[in-house]
Amino acid sequence: MAEDDALAVFEGALRSELKELRALSETGAASRAPVMLDQQSVGRLSRMDAMQAQAMAQATERRRLMRIQQVEAALKRIEDGEYGYCLACGEEIEGRRLETDPAAPLCIGCSRGEN
């Protein structure tokens, strides 16, 4: 695959992932809302279950927002002509790593702390 073709594939994958992440973030807003006391449910366990579900939804949203930032940063690097190069050492990131995670900002060595 030519370099320009590969870049277009990575950009398309990043844009698709960003769209999906934003849609998931919007649809999950209700599960992160404050827990209301359900008068139909009996006991503390129902409220505890609801609070646990809310906490898990909030943690998921935090991870989703971090991923959105990573994807947006990768798209910015494409726009700036800096995509595919390690932010730590400046070396080219191996194609297989970008195929696995198109938003990867570091080469394998730097992500492992080897460089």
PDB file of N, CA and C in Angstrom:
ATOM      1  N   MET A   1       0.855  -1.176   0.000  1.00  0.00           N
ATOM      2  CA  MET A   1       0.000   0.000   0.000  1.00  0.00           C
ATOM      3  C   MET A   1       0.898   1.236   0.000  1.00  0.00           C
ATOM      4  N   ALA A   2       0.600   2.198  -0.846  1.00  0.00           N
ATOM      5  CA  ALA A   2       1.369   3.435  -0.926  1.00  0.00           C
ATOM      6  C   ALA A   2       1.169   4.247   0.348  1.00  0.00           C
ATOM      7  N   GLU A   3       2.160   5.103   0.649  1.00  0.00           N
ATOM      8  CA  GLU A   3       2.121   5.896   1.881  1.00  0.00           C
ATOM      9  C   GLU A   3       0.883   6.786   1.948  1.00  0.00           C
ATOM     10  N   ASP A   4       0.536   7.442   0.833  1.00  0.00           N
ATOM     11  CA  ASP A   4      -0.653   8.304   0.815  1.00  0.00           C
ATOM     12  C   ASP A   4      -1.930   7.496   1.027  1.00  0.00           C
ATOM     13  N   ASP A   5      -1.970   6.296   0.430  1.00  0.00           N
ATOM     14  CA  ASP A   5      -3.132   5.422   0.611  1.00  0.00           C
ATOM     15  C   ASP A   5      -3.256   4.990   2.064  1.00  0.00           C
ATOM     16  N   ALA A   6      -2.132   4.628   2.671  1.00  0.00           N
ATOM     17  CA  ALA A   6      -2.136   4.207   4.074  1.00  0.00           C
ATOM     18  C   ALA A   6      -2.589   5.356   4.965  1.00  0.00           C
ATOM     19  N   LEU A   7      -2.097   6.546   4.693  1.00  0.00           N
ATOM     20  CA  LEU A   7      -2.485   7.712   5.483  1.00  0.00           C
ATOM     21  C   LEU A   7      -3.989   7.962   5.372  1.00  0.00           C
ATOM     22  N   ALA A   8      -4.534   7.815   4.176  1.00  0.00           N
ATOM     23  CA  ALA A   8      -5.974   8.002   3.975  1.00  0.00           C
ATOM     24  C   ALA A   8      -6.772   6.946   4.735  1.00  0.00           C
ATOM     25  N   VAL A   9      -6.268   5.718   4.761  1.00  0.00           N
ATOM     26  CA  VAL A   9      -6.939   4.642   5.500  1.00  0.00           C
ATOM     27  C   VAL A   9      -6.930   4.949   6.991  1.00  0.00           C
ATOM     28  N   PHE A  10      -5.769   5.365   7.520  1.00  0.00           N
ATOM     29  CA  PHE A  10      -5.667   5.694   8.945  1.00  0.00           C
ATOM     30  C   PHE A  10      -6.566   6.881   9.297  1.00  0.00           C
ATOM     31  N   GLU A  11      -6.578   7.885   8.437  1.00  0.00           N
ATOM     32  CA  GLU A  11      -7.417   9.058   8.696  1.00  0.00           C
ATOM     33  C   GLU A  11      -8.899   8.667   8.701  1.00  0.00           C
ATOM     34  N   GLY A  12      -9.287   7.834   7.758  1.00  0.00           N
ATOM     35  CA  GLY A  12     -10.677   7.372   7.719  1.00  0.00           C
ATOM     36  C   GLY A  12     -11.050   6.581   8.961  1.00  0.00           C
ATOM     37  N   ALA A  13     -10.147   5.723   9.400  1.00  0.00           N
ATOM     38  CA  ALA A  13     -10.401   4.934  10.611  1.00  0.00           C
ATOM     39  C   ALA A  13     -10.519   5.835  11.832  1.00  0.00           C
ATOM     40  N   LEU A  14      -9.655   6.846  11.917  1.00  0.00           N
ATOM     41  CA  LEU A  14      -9.698   7.779  13.046  1.00  0.00           C
ATOM     42  C   LEU A  14     -10.987   8.591  13.047  1.00  0.00           C
ATOM     43  N   ARG A  15     -11.380   9.082  11.894  1.00  0.00           N
ATOM     44  CA  ARG A  15     -12.621   9.873  11.806  1.00  0.00           C
ATOM     45  C   ARG A  15     -13.848   9.016  12.151  1.00  0.00           C
ATOM     46  N   SER A  16     -13.847   7.788  11.702  1.00  0.00           N
ATOM     47  CA  SER A  16     -14.946   6.873  12.007  1.00  0.00           C
ATOM     48  C   SER A  16     -15.010   6.585  13.508  1.00  0.00           C
ATOM     49  N   GLU A  17     -13.853   6.332  14.110  1.00  0.00           N
ATOM     50  CA  GLU A  17     -13.816   6.073  15.551  1.00  0.00           C
ATOM     51  C   GLU A  17     -14.274   7.295  16.336  1.00  0.00           C
ATOM     52  N   LEU A  18     -13.841   8.477  15.915  1.00  0.00           N
ATOM     53  CA  LEU A  18     -14.229   9.707  16.605  1.00  0.00           C
ATOM     54  C   LEU A  18     -15.744   9.902  16.552  1.00  0.00           C
ATOM     55  N   LYS A  19     -16.322   9.666  15.401  1.00  0.00           N
ATOM     56  CA  LYS A  19     -17.778   9.796  15.245  1.00  0.00           C
ATOM     57  C   LYS A  19     -18.505   8.819  16.172  1.00  0.00           C
ATOM     58  N   GLU A  20     -18.023   7.584  16.218  1.00  0.00           N
ATOM     59  CA  GLU A  20     -18.638   6.564  17.072  1.00  0.00           C
ATOM     60  C   GLU A  20     -18.495   6.921  18.555  1.00  0.00           C
ATOM     61  N   LEU A  21     -17.315   7.388  18.954  1.00  0.00           N
ATOM     62  CA  LEU A  21     -17.091   7.760  20.354  1.00  0.00           C
ATOM     63  C   LEU A  21     -18.002   8.908  20.778  1.00  0.00           C
ATOM     64  N   ARG A  22     -18.144   9.885  19.919  1.00  0.00           N
ATOM     65  CA  ARG A  22     -19.018  11.027  20.239  1.00  0.00           C
ATOM     66  C   ARG A  22     -20.475  10.591  20.345  1.00  0.00           C
ATOM     67  N   ALA A  23     -20.899   9.706  19.469  1.00  0.00           N
ATOM     68  CA  ALA A  23     -22.278   9.206  19.525  1.00  0.00           C
ATOM     69  C   ALA A  23     -22.512   8.420  20.815  1.00  0.00           C
ATOM     70  N   LEU A  24     -21.551   7.588  21.198  1.00  0.00           N
ATOM     71  CA  LEU A  24     -21.676   6.827  22.439  1.00  0.00           C
ATOM     72  C   LEU A  24     -21.719   7.751  23.646  1.00  0.00           C
ATOM     73  N   SER A  25     -20.940   8.807  23.598  1.00  0.00           N
ATOM     74  CA  SER A  25     -20.910   9.763  24.697  1.00  0.00           C
ATOM     75  C   SER A  25     -22.264  10.441  24.864  1.00  0.00           C
ATOM     76  N   GLU A  26     -22.891  10.785  23.757  1.00  0.00           N
ATOM     77  CA  GLU A  26     -24.203  11.439  23.807  1.00  0.00           C
ATOM     78  C   GLU A  26     -25.287  10.490  24.316  1.00  0.00           C
ATOM     79  N   THR A  27     -25.266   9.247  23.859  1.00  0.00           N
ATOM     80  CA  THR A  27     -26.311   8.306  24.266  1.00  0.00           C
ATOM     81  C   THR A  27     -26.135   7.826  25.700  1.00  0.00           C
ATOM     82  N   GLY A  28     -24.931   7.908  26.233  1.00  0.00           N
ATOM     83  CA  GLY A  28     -24.683   7.442  27.597  1.00  0.00           C
ATOM     84  C   GLY A  28     -24.931   8.485  28.664  1.00  0.00           C
ATOM     85  N   ALA A  29     -25.351   9.671  28.279  1.00  0.00           N
ATOM     86  CA  ALA A  29     -25.540  10.759  29.251  1.00  0.00           C
ATOM     87  C   ALA A  29     -26.567  10.400  30.318  1.00  0.00           C
ATOM     88  N   ALA A  30     -27.608   9.712  29.961  1.00  0.00           N
ATOM     89  CA  ALA A  30     -28.658   9.372  30.931  1.00  0.00           C
ATOM     90  C   ALA A  30     -28.141   8.445  32.024  1.00  0.00           C
ATOM     91  N   SER A  31     -27.238   7.542  31.684  1.00  0.00           N
ATOM     92  CA  SER A  31     -26.734   6.604  32.689  1.00  0.00           C
ATOM     93  C   SER A  31     -25.755   7.262  33.654  1.00  0.00           C
ATOM     94  N   ARG A  32     -25.280   8.465  33.310  1.00  0.00           N
ATOM     95  CA  ARG A  32     -24.361   9.181  34.197  1.00  0.00           C
ATOM     96  C   ARG A  32     -25.081  10.222  35.045  1.00  0.00           C
ATOM     97  N   ALA A  33     -26.374  10.365  34.843  1.00  0.00           N
ATOM     98  CA  ALA A  33     -27.169  11.352  35.579  1.00  0.00           C
ATOM     99  C   ALA A  33     -27.248  10.965  37.055  1.00  0.00           C
ATOM    100  N   PRO A  34     -27.536  11.933  37.916  1.00  0.00           N
ATOM    101  CA  PRO A  34     -27.662  11.624  39.345  1.00  0.00           C
ATOM    102  C   PRO A  34     -28.691  10.518  39.590  1.00  0.00           C
ATOM    103  N   VAL A  35     -28.390   9.696  40.570  1.00  0.00           N
ATOM    104  CA  VAL A  35     -29.275   8.582  40.909  1.00  0.00           C
ATOM    105  C   VAL A  35     -30.474   9.110  41.681  1.00  0.00           C
ATOM    106  N   MET A  36     -31.653   8.807  41.174  1.00  0.00           N
ATOM    107  CA  MET A  36     -32.891   9.208  41.840  1.00  0.00           C
ATOM    108  C   MET A  36     -33.414   8.029  42.647  1.00  0.00           C
ATOM    109  N   LEU A  37     -33.997   8.333  43.763  1.00  0.00           N
ATOM    110  CA  LEU A  37     -34.562   7.297  44.608  1.00  0.00           C
ATOM    111  C   LEU A  37     -35.833   6.769  43.955  1.00  0.00           C
ATOM    112  N   ASP A  38     -35.841   5.493  43.677  1.00  0.00           N
ATOM    113  CA  ASP A  38     -36.999   4.846  43.062  1.00  0.00           C
ATOM    114  C   ASP A  38     -37.922   4.364  44.174  1.00  0.00           C
ATOM    115  N   GLN A  39     -39.080   4.947  44.270  1.00  0.00           N
ATOM    116  CA  GLN A  39     -40.019   4.605  45.333  1.00  0.00           C
ATOM    117  C   GLN A  39     -40.597   3.200  45.145  1.00  0.00           C
ATOM    118  N   GLN A  40     -40.491   2.646  43.957  1.00  0.00           N
ATOM    119  CA  GLN A  40     -41.017   1.307  43.701  1.00  0.00           C
ATOM    120  C   GLN A  40     -40.066   0.223  44.203  1.00  0.00           C
ATOM    121  N   SER A  41     -38.762   0.539  44.237  1.00  0.00           N
ATOM    122  CA  SER A  41     -37.777  -0.442  44.678  1.00  0.00           C
ATOM    123  C   SER A  41     -37.714  -0.453  46.196  1.00  0.00           C
ATOM    124  N   VAL A  42     -37.399  -1.594  46.718  1.00  0.00           N
ATOM    125  CA  VAL A  42     -37.355  -1.743  48.166  1.00  0.00           C
ATOM    126  C   VAL A  42     -35.908  -1.928  48.603  1.00  0.00           C
ATOM    127  N   GLY A  43     -35.526  -1.186  49.652  1.00  0.00           N
ATOM    128  CA  GLY A  43     -34.239  -1.423  50.283  1.00  0.00           C
ATOM    129  C   GLY A  43     -33.086  -0.646  49.697  1.00  0.00           C
ATOM    130  N   ARG A  44     -31.981  -0.758  50.426  1.00  0.00           N
ATOM    131  CA  ARG A  44     -30.762  -0.042  50.053  1.00  0.00           C
ATOM    132  C   ARG A  44     -30.084  -0.650  48.843  1.00  0.00           C
ATOM    133  N   LEU A  45     -30.262  -1.955  48.628  1.00  0.00           N
ATOM    134  CA  LEU A  45     -29.547  -2.614  47.538  1.00  0.00           C
ATOM    135  C   LEU A  45     -29.899  -2.035  46.179  1.00  0.00           C
ATOM    136  N   SER A  46     -31.150  -1.693  45.977  1.00  0.00           N
ATOM    137  CA  SER A  46     -31.551  -1.116  44.692  1.00  0.00           C
ATOM    138  C   SER A  46     -30.827   0.199  44.445  1.00  0.00           C
ATOM    139  N   ARG A  47     -30.748   1.031  45.474  1.00  0.00           N
ATOM    140  CA  ARG A  47     -30.046   2.314  45.341  1.00  0.00           C
ATOM    141  C   ARG A  47     -28.548   2.087  45.159  1.00  0.00           C
ATOM    142  N   MET A  48     -27.996   1.127  45.891  1.00  0.00           N
ATOM    143  CA  MET A  48     -26.568   0.830  45.758  1.00  0.00           C
ATOM    144  C   MET A  48     -26.252   0.319  44.358  1.00  0.00           C
ATOM    145  N   ASP A  49     -27.118  -0.529  43.826  1.00  0.00           N
ATOM    146  CA  ASP A  49     -26.928  -1.027  42.458  1.00  0.00           C
ATOM    147  C   ASP A  49     -26.950   0.122  41.460  1.00  0.00           C
ATOM    148  N   ALA A  50     -27.895   1.034  41.648  1.00  0.00           N
ATOM    149  CA  ALA A  50     -28.004   2.183  40.745  1.00  0.00           C
ATOM    150  C   ALA A  50     -26.771   3.072  40.850  1.00  0.00           C
ATOM    151  N   MET A  51     -26.274   3.264  42.059  1.00  0.00           N
ATOM    152  CA  MET A  51     -25.082   4.104  42.246  1.00  0.00           C
ATOM    153  C   MET A  51     -23.845   3.436  41.648  1.00  0.00           C
ATOM    154  N   GLN A  52     -23.754   2.112  41.764  1.00  0.00           N
ATOM    155  CA  GLN A  52     -22.631   1.393  41.177  1.00  0.00           C
ATOM    156  C   GLN A  52     -22.683   1.485  39.647  1.00  0.00           C
ATOM    157  N   ALA A  53     -23.858   1.332  39.086  1.00  0.00           N
ATOM    158  CA  ALA A  53     -24.012   1.451  37.632  1.00  0.00           C
ATOM    159  C   ALA A  53     -23.643   2.856  37.170  1.00  0.00           C
ATOM    160  N   GLN A  54     -24.040   3.861  37.946  1.00  0.00           N
ATOM    161  CA  GLN A  54     -23.695   5.241  37.614  1.00  0.00           C
ATOM    162  C   GLN A  54     -22.180   5.445  37.656  1.00  0.00           C
ATOM    163  N   ALA A  55     -21.520   4.922  38.687  1.00  0.00           N
ATOM    164  CA  ALA A  55     -20.064   5.063  38.811  1.00  0.00           C
ATOM    165  C   ALA A  55     -19.348   4.390  37.640  1.00  0.00           C
ATOM    166  N   MET A  56     -19.836   3.226  37.234  1.00  0.00           N
ATOM    167  CA  MET A  56     -19.225   2.541  36.090  1.00  0.00           C
ATOM    168  C   MET A  56     -19.427   3.342  34.811  1.00  0.00           C
ATOM    169  N   ALA A  57     -20.608   3.924  34.634  1.00  0.00           N
ATOM    170  CA  ALA A  57     -20.879   4.741  33.448  1.00  0.00           C
ATOM    171  C   ALA A  57     -19.989   5.979  33.429  1.00  0.00           C
ATOM    172  N   GLN A  58     -19.756   6.575  34.590  1.00  0.00           N
ATOM    173  CA  GLN A  58     -18.889   7.755  34.664  1.00  0.00           C
ATOM    174  C   GLN A  58     -17.443   7.389  34.346  1.00  0.00           C
ATOM    175  N   ALA A  59     -16.974   6.244  34.849  1.00  0.00           N
ATOM    176  CA  ALA A  59     -15.613   5.797  34.552  1.00  0.00           C
ATOM    177  C   ALA A  59     -15.454   5.498  33.062  1.00  0.00           C
ATOM    178  N   THR A  60     -16.467   4.880  32.478  1.00  0.00           N
ATOM    179  CA  THR A  60     -16.439   4.597  31.042  1.00  0.00           C
ATOM    180  C   THR A  60     -16.373   5.894  30.246  1.00  0.00           C
ATOM    181  N   GLU A  61     -17.128   6.892  30.670  1.00  0.00           N
ATOM    182  CA  GLU A  61     -17.128   8.175  29.967  1.00  0.00           C
ATOM    183  C   GLU A  61     -15.767   8.861  30.078  1.00  0.00           C
ATOM    184  N   ARG A  62     -15.118   8.771  31.236  1.00  0.00           N
ATOM    185  CA  ARG A  62     -13.773   9.363  31.382  1.00  0.00           C
ATOM    186  C   ARG A  62     -12.796   8.712  30.410  1.00  0.00           C
ATOM    187  N   ARG A  63     -12.848   7.370  30.315  1.00  0.00           N
ATOM    188  CA  ARG A  63     -11.967   6.666  29.366  1.00  0.00           C
ATOM    189  C   ARG A  63     -12.307   7.057  27.928  1.00  0.00           C
ATOM    190  N   ARG A  64     -13.592   7.194  27.647  1.00  0.00           N
ATOM    191  CA  ARG A  64     -14.027   7.579  26.296  1.00  0.00           C
ATOM    192  C   ARG A  64     -13.515   8.974  25.946  1.00  0.00           C
ATOM    193  N   LEU A  65     -13.598   9.911  26.892  1.00  0.00           N
ATOM    194  CA  LEU A  65     -13.115  11.273  26.645  1.00  0.00           C
ATOM    195  C   LEU A  65     -11.607  11.297  26.423  1.00  0.00           C
ATOM    196  N   MET A  66     -10.873  10.455  27.163  1.00  0.00           N
ATOM    197  CA  MET A  66      -9.427  10.366  26.942  1.00  0.00           C
ATOM    198  C   MET A  66      -9.133   9.850  25.538  1.00  0.00           C
ATOM    199  N   ARG A  67      -9.893   8.862  25.096  1.00  0.00           N
ATOM    200  CA  ARG A  67      -9.689   8.307  23.757  1.00  0.00           C
ATOM    201  C   ARG A  67     -10.044   9.338  22.690  1.00  0.00           C
ATOM    202  N   ILE A  68     -11.103  10.110  22.915  1.00  0.00           N
ATOM    203  CA  ILE A  68     -11.465  11.174  21.974  1.00  0.00           C
ATOM    204  C   ILE A  68     -10.305  12.146  21.827  1.00  0.00           C
ATOM    205  N   GLN A  69      -9.667  12.507  22.936  1.00  0.00           N
ATOM    206  CA  GLN A  69      -8.518  13.417  22.884  1.00  0.00           C
ATOM    207  C   GLN A  69      -7.367  12.800  22.098  1.00  0.00           C
ATOM    208  N   GLN A  70      -7.125  11.493  22.289  1.00  0.00           N
ATOM    209  CA  GLN A  70      -6.054  10.816  21.557  1.00  0.00           C
ATOM    210  C   GLN A  70      -6.337  10.811  20.052  1.00  0.00           C
ATOM    211  N   VAL A  71      -7.568  10.517  19.688  1.00  0.00           N
ATOM    212  CA  VAL A  71      -7.944  10.464  18.271  1.00  0.00           C
ATOM    213  C   VAL A  71      -7.861  11.855  17.649  1.00  0.00           C
ATOM    214  N   GLU A  72      -8.364  12.868  18.358  1.00  0.00           N
ATOM    215  CA  GLU A  72      -8.282  14.242  17.847  1.00  0.00           C
ATOM    216  C   GLU A  72      -6.825  14.675  17.678  1.00  0.00           C
ATOM    217  N   ALA A  73      -5.958  14.279  18.605  1.00  0.00           N
ATOM    218  CA  ALA A  73      -4.536  14.621  18.500  1.00  0.00           C
ATOM    219  C   ALA A  73      -3.908  13.944  17.280  1.00  0.00           C
ATOM    220  N   ALA A  74      -4.288  12.699  17.018  1.00  0.00           N
ATOM    221  CA  ALA A  74      -3.768  11.994  15.844  1.00  0.00           C
ATOM    222  C   ALA A  74      -4.236  12.670  14.560  1.00  0.00           C
ATOM    223  N   LEU A  75      -5.493  13.085  14.514  1.00  0.00           N
ATOM    224  CA  LEU A  75      -6.000  13.798  13.332  1.00  0.00           C
ATOM    225  C   LEU A  75      -5.271  15.126  13.146  1.00  0.00           C
ATOM    226  N   LYS A  76      -4.943  15.782  14.229  1.00  0.00           N
ATOM    227  CA  LYS A  76      -4.180  17.041  14.155  1.00  0.00           C
ATOM    228  C   LYS A  76      -2.780  16.778  13.600  1.00  0.00           C
ATOM    229  N   ARG A  77      -2.164  15.661  14.026  1.00  0.00           N
ATOM    230  CA  ARG A  77      -0.833  15.317  13.506  1.00  0.00           C
ATOM    231  C   ARG A  77      -0.899  15.032  12.007  1.00  0.00           C
ATOM    232  N   ILE A  78      -1.989  14.410  11.547  1.00  0.00           N
ATOM    233  CA  ILE A  78      -2.163  14.179  10.102  1.00  0.00           C
ATOM    234  C   ILE A  78      -2.236  15.524   9.391  1.00  0.00           C
ATOM    235  N   GLU A  79      -3.055  16.413   9.925  1.00  0.00           N
ATOM    236  CA  GLU A  79      -3.229  17.749   9.341  1.00  0.00           C
ATOM    237  C   GLU A  79      -1.904  18.515   9.283  1.00  0.00           C
ATOM    238  N   ASP A  80      -1.080  18.359  10.314  1.00  0.00           N
ATOM    239  CA  ASP A  80       0.198  19.072  10.400  1.00  0.00           C
ATOM    240  C   ASP A  80       1.338  18.370   9.669  1.00  0.00           C
ATOM    241  N   GLY A  81       1.067  17.180   9.123  1.00  0.00           N
ATOM    242  CA  GLY A  81       2.106  16.433   8.422  1.00  0.00           C
ATOM    243  C   GLY A  81       3.090  15.749   9.353  1.00  0.00           C
ATOM    244  N   GLU A  82       2.693  15.524  10.596  1.00  0.00           N
ATOM    245  CA  GLU A  82       3.579  14.912  11.589  1.00  0.00           C
ATOM    246  C   GLU A  82       3.114  13.517  12.004  1.00  0.00           C
ATOM    247  N   TYR A  83       2.095  13.017  11.352  1.00  0.00           N
ATOM    248  CA  TYR A  83       1.530  11.718  11.725  1.00  0.00           C
ATOM    249  C   TYR A  83       2.499  10.597  11.384  1.00  0.00           C
ATOM    250  N   GLY A  84       2.546   9.599  12.274  1.00  0.00           N
ATOM    251  CA  GLY A  84       3.373   8.423  12.027  1.00  0.00           C
ATOM    252  C   GLY A  84       4.754   8.520  12.619  1.00  0.00           C
ATOM    253  N   TYR A  85       5.039   9.624  13.303  1.00  0.00           N
ATOM    254  CA  TYR A  85       6.336   9.795  13.943  1.00  0.00           C
ATOM    255  C   TYR A  85       6.150   9.864  15.452  1.00  0.00           C
ATOM    256  N   CYS A  86       7.027   9.183  16.174  1.00  0.00           N
ATOM    257  CA  CYS A  86       6.961   9.107  17.628  1.00  0.00           C
ATOM    258  C   CYS A  86       7.124  10.495  18.239  1.00  0.00           C
ATOM    259  N   LEU A  87       6.236  10.842  19.169  1.00  0.00           N
ATOM    260  CA  LEU A  87       6.310  12.145  19.829  1.00  0.00           C
ATOM    261  C   LEU A  87       7.497  12.237  20.783  1.00  0.00           C
ATOM    262  N   ALA A  88       8.007  11.097  21.240  1.00  0.00           N
ATOM    263  CA  ALA A  88       9.116  11.101  22.196  1.00  0.00           C
ATOM    264  C   ALA A  88      10.481  11.129  21.513  1.00  0.00           C
ATOM    265  N   CYS A  89      10.690  10.245  20.546  1.00  0.00           N
ATOM    266  CA  CYS A  89      12.027  10.133  19.944  1.00  0.00           C
ATOM    267  C   CYS A  89      12.091  10.633  18.501  1.00  0.00           C
ATOM    268  N   GLY A  90      10.941  10.837  17.863  1.00  0.00           N
ATOM    269  CA  GLY A  90      10.918  11.346  16.497  1.00  0.00           C
ATOM    270  C   GLY A  90      11.073  10.288  15.420  1.00  0.00           C
ATOM    271  N   GLU A  91      11.286   9.043  15.817  1.00  0.00           N
ATOM    272  CA  GLU A  91      11.424   7.961  14.840  1.00  0.00           C
ATOM    273  C   GLU A  91      10.059   7.613  14.251  1.00  0.00           C
ATOM    274  N   GLU A  92      10.087   7.005  13.079  1.00  0.00           N
ATOM    275  CA  GLU A  92       8.841   6.596  12.438  1.00  0.00           C
ATOM    276  C   GLU A  92       8.199   5.452  13.223  1.00  0.00           C
ATOM    277  N   ILE A  93       6.890   5.538  13.434  1.00  0.00           N
ATOM    278  CA  ILE A  93       6.148   4.481  14.124  1.00  0.00           C
ATOM    279  C   ILE A  93       5.873   3.375  13.114  1.00  0.00           C
ATOM    280  N   GLU A  94       6.140   2.148  13.519  1.00  0.00           N
ATOM    281  CA  GLU A  94       5.970   1.001  12.634  1.00  0.00           C
ATOM    282  C   GLU A  94       4.515   0.887  12.163  1.00  0.00           C
ATOM    283  N   GLY A  95       4.346   0.554  10.897  1.00  0.00           N
ATOM    284  CA  GLY A  95       3.023   0.457  10.296  1.00  0.00           C
ATOM    285  C   GLY A  95       2.091  -0.501  11.009  1.00  0.00           C
ATOM    286  N   ARG A  96       2.633  -1.626  11.483  1.00  0.00           N
ATOM    287  CA  ARG A  96       1.783  -2.598  12.187  1.00  0.00           C
ATOM    288  C   ARG A  96       1.211  -2.002  13.468  1.00  0.00           C
ATOM    289  N   ARG A  97       1.988  -1.143  14.132  1.00  0.00           N
ATOM    290  CA  ARG A  97       1.485  -0.501  15.358  1.00  0.00           C
ATOM    291  C   ARG A  97       0.341   0.445  15.009  1.00  0.00           C
ATOM    292  N   LEU A  98       0.495   1.205  13.932  1.00  0.00           N
ATOM    293  CA  LEU A  98      -0.562   2.131  13.523  1.00  0.00           C
ATOM    294  C   LEU A  98      -1.794   1.387  13.022  1.00  0.00           C
ATOM    295  N   GLU A  99      -1.601   0.221  12.431  1.00  0.00           N
ATOM    296  CA  GLU A  99      -2.747  -0.585  12.007  1.00  0.00           C
ATOM    297  C   GLU A  99      -3.539  -1.059  13.221  1.00  0.00           C
ATOM    298  N   THR A 100      -2.823  -1.367  14.299  1.00  0.00           N
ATOM    299  CA  THR A 100      -3.470  -1.808  15.535  1.00  0.00           C
ATOM    300  C   THR A 100      -4.157  -0.650  16.232  1.00  0.00           C
ATOM    301  N   ASP A 101      -3.462   0.493  16.307  1.00  0.00           N
ATOM    302  CA  ASP A 101      -4.007   1.693  16.954  1.00  0.00           C
ATOM    303  C   ASP A 101      -3.584   2.914  16.149  1.00  0.00           C
ATOM    304  N   PRO A 102      -4.447   3.382  15.244  1.00  0.00           N
ATOM    305  CA  PRO A 102      -4.089   4.525  14.406  1.00  0.00           C
ATOM    306  C   PRO A 102      -3.797   5.802  15.189  1.00  0.00           C
ATOM    307  N   ALA A 103      -4.199   5.869  16.449  1.00  0.00           N
ATOM    308  CA  ALA A 103      -3.960   7.065  17.263  1.00  0.00           C
ATOM    309  C   ALA A 103      -2.680   6.958  18.086  1.00  0.00           C
ATOM    310  N   ALA A 104      -1.922   5.889  17.921  1.00  0.00           N
ATOM    311  CA  ALA A 104      -0.712   5.682  18.726  1.00  0.00           C
ATOM    312  C   ALA A 104       0.256   6.855  18.552  1.00  0.00           C
ATOM    313  N   PRO A 105       0.629   7.521  19.659  1.00  0.00           N
ATOM    314  CA  PRO A 105       1.540   8.658  19.564  1.00  0.00           C
ATOM    315  C   PRO A 105       3.008   8.279  19.720  1.00  0.00           C
ATOM    316  N   LEU A 106       3.271   7.046  20.179  1.00  0.00           N
ATOM    317  CA  LEU A 106       4.637   6.624  20.473  1.00  0.00           C
ATOM    318  C   LEU A 106       4.986   5.344  19.736  1.00  0.00           C
ATOM    319  N   CYS A 107       6.279   5.188  19.435  1.00  0.00           N
ATOM    320  CA  CYS A 107       6.754   3.936  18.863  1.00  0.00           C
ATOM    321  C   CYS A 107       6.739   2.874  19.970  1.00  0.00           C
ATOM    322  N   ILE A 108       6.935   1.632  19.596  1.00  0.00           N
ATOM    323  CA  ILE A 108       6.911   0.536  20.570  1.00  0.00           C
ATOM    324  C   ILE A 108       7.966   0.752  21.652  1.00  0.00           C
ATOM    325  N   GLY A 109       9.175   1.102  21.251  1.00  0.00           N
ATOM    326  CA  GLY A 109      10.261   1.286  22.216  1.00  0.00           C
ATOM    327  C   GLY A 109       9.950   2.344  23.255  1.00  0.00           C
ATOM    328  N   CYS A 110       9.450   3.477  22.822  1.00  0.00           N
ATOM    329  CA  CYS A 110       9.134   4.566  23.756  1.00  0.00           C
ATOM    330  C   CYS A 110       7.920   4.229  24.619  1.00  0.00           C
ATOM    331  N   SER A 111       6.949   3.522  24.060  1.00  0.00           N
ATOM    332  CA  SER A 111       5.772   3.171  24.862  1.00  0.00           C
ATOM    333  C   SER A 111       6.134   2.172  25.956  1.00  0.00           C
ATOM    334  N   ARG A 112       7.172   1.391  25.722  1.00  0.00           N
ATOM    335  CA  ARG A 112       7.646   0.441  26.733  1.00  0.00           C
ATOM    336  C   ARG A 112       8.670   1.073  27.671  1.00  0.00           C
ATOM    337  N   GLY A 113       9.086   2.290  27.356  1.00  0.00           N
ATOM    338  CA  GLY A 113      10.087   2.961  28.176  1.00  0.00           C
ATOM    339  C   GLY A 113      11.502   2.503  27.890  1.00  0.00           C
ATOM    340  N   GLU A 114      11.727   1.928  26.708  1.00  0.00           N
ATOM    341  CA  GLU A 114      13.042   1.405  26.356  1.00  0.00           C
ATOM    342  C   GLU A 114      13.973   2.478  25.813  1.00  0.00           C
ATOM    343  N   ASN A 115      13.420   3.577  25.318  1.00  0.00           N
ATOM    344  CA  ASN A 115      14.267   4.628  24.725  1.00  0.00           C
ATOM    345  C   ASN A 115      14.502   5.736  25.700  1.00  0.00           C
TER     346      ASN A 115
END
